[in-house]
Amino acid sequence: MFFRSMLFAVFLAALFLNISAVRAEVAAASPPATFTLQVDEIVSWYVGDNRLYFQMQPDVGARLGDFTQENLNKQINFYIGDILVSSPFVRSRIDGGYGLIVLAPEFKESLLASLPADREKPPATEE
């Protein structure tokens, strides 16, 4: 009886490990979902401390919230225009319509050149 119980426990452990391995393979084989923010969907932006701060149109912010909700605990690709600016793992829903991207040297110049200059709105400073 003890032998059968042990054999069954080993079988369940092997089954669990096999299922986990298959899930990991599927996750690794699936490309990350993509969210693209078009430059004309940016209401305002500015650069500070080598970071791009931006505000999206309200409907785009809602779309990002839904997108991140659907992709919780998964990696996504975040594009601004045709430039891949981030590939984070989503840990929570992102709402609010505001974003922050650390400007990596490989895309900083091309990204800033693609943004509409008339929408650059630096934060107000106290004098």
C-alpha atoms as a PDB file:
ATOM      1  CA  MET A   1       0.000   0.000   0.000  1.00  0.00           C
ATOM      2  CA  PHE A   2       2.819   2.389   0.901  1.00  0.00           C
ATOM      3  CA  PHE A   3       4.537   1.653  -2.410  1.00  0.00           C
ATOM      4  CA  ARG A   4       1.360   2.499  -4.373  1.00  0.00           C
ATOM      5  CA  SER A   5       0.929   5.781  -2.472  1.00  0.00           C
ATOM      6  CA  MET A   6       4.524   6.750  -3.182  1.00  0.00           C
ATOM      7  CA  LEU A   7       4.180   5.773  -6.830  1.00  0.00           C
ATOM      8  CA  PHE A   8       1.019   7.878  -7.142  1.00  0.00           C
ATOM      9  CA  ALA A   9       2.755  10.872  -5.484  1.00  0.00           C
ATOM     10  CA  VAL A  10       5.684  10.568  -7.891  1.00  0.00           C
ATOM     11  CA  PHE A  11       3.253  10.365 -10.814  1.00  0.00           C
ATOM     12  CA  LEU A  12       1.440  13.530  -9.678  1.00  0.00           C
ATOM     13  CA  ALA A  13       4.727  15.387  -9.214  1.00  0.00           C
ATOM     14  CA  ALA A  14       5.917  14.357 -12.676  1.00  0.00           C
ATOM     15  CA  LEU A  15       2.577  15.394 -14.200  1.00  0.00           C
ATOM     16  CA  PHE A  16       2.747  18.772 -12.464  1.00  0.00           C
ATOM     17  CA  LEU A  17       6.330  19.371 -13.615  1.00  0.00           C
ATOM     18  CA  ASN A  18       5.441  18.363 -17.165  1.00  0.00           C
ATOM     19  CA  ILE A  19       2.462  20.745 -17.250  1.00  0.00           C
ATOM     20  CA  SER A  20       4.626  23.554 -15.835  1.00  0.00           C
ATOM     21  CA  ALA A  21       7.306  22.897 -18.457  1.00  0.00           C
ATOM     22  CA  VAL A  22       4.739  22.992 -21.261  1.00  0.00           C
ATOM     23  CA  ARG A  23       3.327  26.292 -19.956  1.00  0.00           C
ATOM     24  CA  ALA A  24       6.830  27.773 -19.803  1.00  0.00           C
ATOM     25  CA  GLU A  25       7.551  26.646 -23.378  1.00  0.00           C
ATOM     26  CA  VAL A  26       4.296  28.172 -24.632  1.00  0.00           C
ATOM     27  CA  ALA A  27       5.015  31.434 -22.811  1.00  0.00           C
ATOM     28  CA  ALA A  28       8.545  31.547 -24.203  1.00  0.00           C
ATOM     29  CA  ALA A  29       7.331  30.791 -27.720  1.00  0.00           C
ATOM     30  CA  SER A  30       4.620  33.467 -27.682  1.00  0.00           C
ATOM     31  CA  PRO A  31       5.839  36.885 -28.762  1.00  0.00           C
ATOM     32  CA  PRO A  32       4.963  39.771 -26.429  1.00  0.00           C
ATOM     33  CA  ALA A  33       1.737  41.654 -27.115  1.00  0.00           C
ATOM     34  CA  THR A  34       2.285  45.088 -28.636  1.00  0.00           C
ATOM     35  CA  PHE A  35       0.862  48.482 -27.714  1.00  0.00           C
ATOM     36  CA  THR A  36       1.564  51.311 -30.130  1.00  0.00           C
ATOM     37  CA  LEU A  37       1.128  54.945 -29.162  1.00  0.00           C
ATOM     38  CA  GLN A  38       1.040  57.097 -32.281  1.00  0.00           C
ATOM     39  CA  VAL A  39       2.739  60.481 -31.980  1.00  0.00           C
ATOM     40  CA  ASP A  40      -0.509  62.278 -32.859  1.00  0.00           C
ATOM     41  CA  GLU A  41      -2.125  60.609 -29.801  1.00  0.00           C
ATOM     42  CA  ILE A  42       0.262  62.465 -27.468  1.00  0.00           C
ATOM     43  CA  VAL A  43      -1.355  65.564 -25.967  1.00  0.00           C
ATOM     44  CA  SER A  44       1.814  66.951 -24.397  1.00  0.00           C
ATOM     45  CA  TRP A  45       5.355  65.875 -23.565  1.00  0.00           C
ATOM     46  CA  TYR A  46       8.626  67.048 -22.059  1.00  0.00           C
ATOM     47  CA  VAL A  47      12.049  65.654 -21.232  1.00  0.00           C
ATOM     48  CA  GLY A  48      13.572  65.800 -17.769  1.00  0.00           C
ATOM     49  CA  ASP A  49      16.368  63.770 -16.170  1.00  0.00           C
ATOM     50  CA  ASN A  50      16.796  61.740 -19.376  1.00  0.00           C
ATOM     51  CA  ARG A  51      13.155  60.658 -19.203  1.00  0.00           C
ATOM     52  CA  LEU A  52      10.281  61.358 -21.550  1.00  0.00           C
ATOM     53  CA  TYR A  53       7.109  62.327 -19.713  1.00  0.00           C
ATOM     54  CA  PHE A  54       3.949  62.371 -21.792  1.00  0.00           C
ATOM     55  CA  GLN A  55       0.178  62.666 -21.630  1.00  0.00           C
ATOM     56  CA  MET A  56      -2.021  60.625 -23.962  1.00  0.00           C
ATOM     57  CA  GLN A  57      -5.450  61.436 -25.332  1.00  0.00           C
ATOM     58  CA  PRO A  58      -8.102  60.162 -22.855  1.00  0.00           C
ATOM     59  CA  ASP A  59      -9.362  57.380 -25.147  1.00  0.00           C
ATOM     60  CA  VAL A  60      -5.793  56.146 -25.689  1.00  0.00           C
ATOM     61  CA  GLY A  61      -5.168  56.136 -21.942  1.00  0.00           C
ATOM     62  CA  ALA A  62      -8.311  54.003 -21.507  1.00  0.00           C
ATOM     63  CA  ARG A  63      -7.121  51.678 -24.276  1.00  0.00           C
ATOM     64  CA  LEU A  64      -3.751  51.306 -22.515  1.00  0.00           C
ATOM     65  CA  GLY A  65      -5.566  50.491 -19.267  1.00  0.00           C
ATOM     66  CA  ASP A  66      -7.570  47.731 -20.957  1.00  0.00           C
ATOM     67  CA  PHE A  67      -4.482  46.440 -22.751  1.00  0.00           C
ATOM     68  CA  THR A  68      -2.421  46.206 -19.576  1.00  0.00           C
ATOM     69  CA  GLN A  69      -5.316  44.544 -17.732  1.00  0.00           C
ATOM     70  CA  GLU A  70      -5.457  41.865 -20.451  1.00  0.00           C
ATOM     71  CA  ASN A  71      -1.678  41.340 -20.252  1.00  0.00           C
ATOM     72  CA  LEU A  72      -1.082  41.173 -16.509  1.00  0.00           C
ATOM     73  CA  ASN A  73       2.083  39.245 -15.590  1.00  0.00           C
ATOM     74  CA  LYS A  74       3.178  39.141 -19.225  1.00  0.00           C
ATOM     75  CA  GLN A  75       5.842  40.965 -21.176  1.00  0.00           C
ATOM     76  CA  ILE A  76       4.648  43.596 -23.640  1.00  0.00           C
ATOM     77  CA  ASN A  77       6.322  45.713 -26.306  1.00  0.00           C
ATOM     78  CA  PHE A  78       5.548  49.434 -26.065  1.00  0.00           C
ATOM     79  CA  TYR A  79       6.075  51.481 -29.211  1.00  0.00           C
ATOM     80  CA  ILE A  80       5.853  55.204 -29.797  1.00  0.00           C
ATOM     81  CA  GLY A  81       5.297  55.442 -33.517  1.00  0.00           C
ATOM     82  CA  ASP A  82       7.572  52.823 -35.045  1.00  0.00           C
ATOM     83  CA  ILE A  83      10.172  52.964 -32.247  1.00  0.00           C
ATOM     84  CA  LEU A  84      10.268  50.216 -29.621  1.00  0.00           C
ATOM     85  CA  VAL A  85      10.852  52.161 -26.411  1.00  0.00           C
ATOM     86  CA  SER A  86      10.160  49.571 -23.705  1.00  0.00           C
ATOM     87  CA  SER A  87       9.488  45.860 -23.162  1.00  0.00           C
ATOM     88  CA  PRO A  88       8.306  45.667 -19.555  1.00  0.00           C
ATOM     89  CA  PHE A  89       6.524  42.916 -17.670  1.00  0.00           C
ATOM     90  CA  VAL A  90       3.083  44.228 -16.707  1.00  0.00           C
ATOM     91  CA  ARG A  91       2.484  43.844 -12.977  1.00  0.00           C
ATOM     92  CA  SER A  92      -0.644  45.987 -12.681  1.00  0.00           C
ATOM     93  CA  ARG A  93      -3.177  47.856 -14.785  1.00  0.00           C
ATOM     94  CA  ILE A  94      -1.814  51.185 -16.045  1.00  0.00           C
ATOM     95  CA  ASP A  95      -4.418  53.933 -15.941  1.00  0.00           C
ATOM     96  CA  GLY A  96      -4.355  57.702 -15.921  1.00  0.00           C
ATOM     97  CA  GLY A  97      -3.261  58.565 -19.432  1.00  0.00           C
ATOM     98  CA  TYR A  98       0.269  59.584 -18.408  1.00  0.00           C
ATOM     99  CA  GLY A  99       3.542  57.824 -19.151  1.00  0.00           C
ATOM    100  CA  LEU A 100       7.237  57.936 -18.470  1.00  0.00           C
ATOM    101  CA  ILE A 101       9.933  56.347 -20.611  1.00  0.00           C
ATOM    102  CA  VAL A 102      13.635  56.276 -19.757  1.00  0.00           C
ATOM    103  CA  LEU A 103      15.380  57.519 -22.877  1.00  0.00           C
ATOM    104  CA  ALA A 104      17.904  54.901 -23.967  1.00  0.00           C
ATOM    105  CA  PRO A 105      20.738  56.236 -26.146  1.00  0.00           C
ATOM    106  CA  GLU A 106      19.863  53.919 -29.050  1.00  0.00           C
ATOM    107  CA  PHE A 107      16.493  55.585 -29.670  1.00  0.00           C
ATOM    108  CA  LYS A 108      16.627  58.950 -27.886  1.00  0.00           C
ATOM    109  CA  GLU A 109      17.415  61.173 -30.889  1.00  0.00           C
ATOM    110  CA  SER A 110      15.026  59.503 -33.324  1.00  0.00           C
ATOM    111  CA  LEU A 111      12.194  59.440 -30.777  1.00  0.00           C
ATOM    112  CA  LEU A 112      12.537  63.101 -29.796  1.00  0.00           C
ATOM    113  CA  ALA A 113      12.781  64.119 -33.467  1.00  0.00           C
ATOM    114  CA  SER A 114       9.500  62.312 -34.162  1.00  0.00           C
ATOM    115  CA  LEU A 115       7.511  64.109 -31.444  1.00  0.00           C
ATOM    116  CA  PRO A 116       5.482  67.196 -32.398  1.00  0.00           C
ATOM    117  CA  ALA A 117       7.422  70.260 -31.243  1.00  0.00           C
ATOM    118  CA  ASP A 118       4.230  72.286 -30.735  1.00  0.00           C
ATOM    119  CA  ARG A 119       3.140  69.837 -27.996  1.00  0.00           C
ATOM    120  CA  GLU A 120       6.305  70.113 -25.909  1.00  0.00           C
ATOM    121  CA  LYS A 121       5.091  71.554 -22.626  1.00  0.00           C
ATOM    122  CA  PRO A 122       7.750  71.733 -19.923  1.00  0.00           C
ATOM    123  CA  PRO A 123       6.390  71.796 -16.372  1.00  0.00           C
ATOM    124  CA  ALA A 124       5.836  75.204 -14.844  1.00  0.00           C
ATOM    125  CA  THR A 125       8.749  76.406 -12.731  1.00  0.00           C
ATOM    126  CA  GLU A 126       8.600  78.639  -9.690  1.00  0.00           C
ATOM    127  CA  GLU A 127      10.525  81.887  -9.918  1.00  0.00           C
END
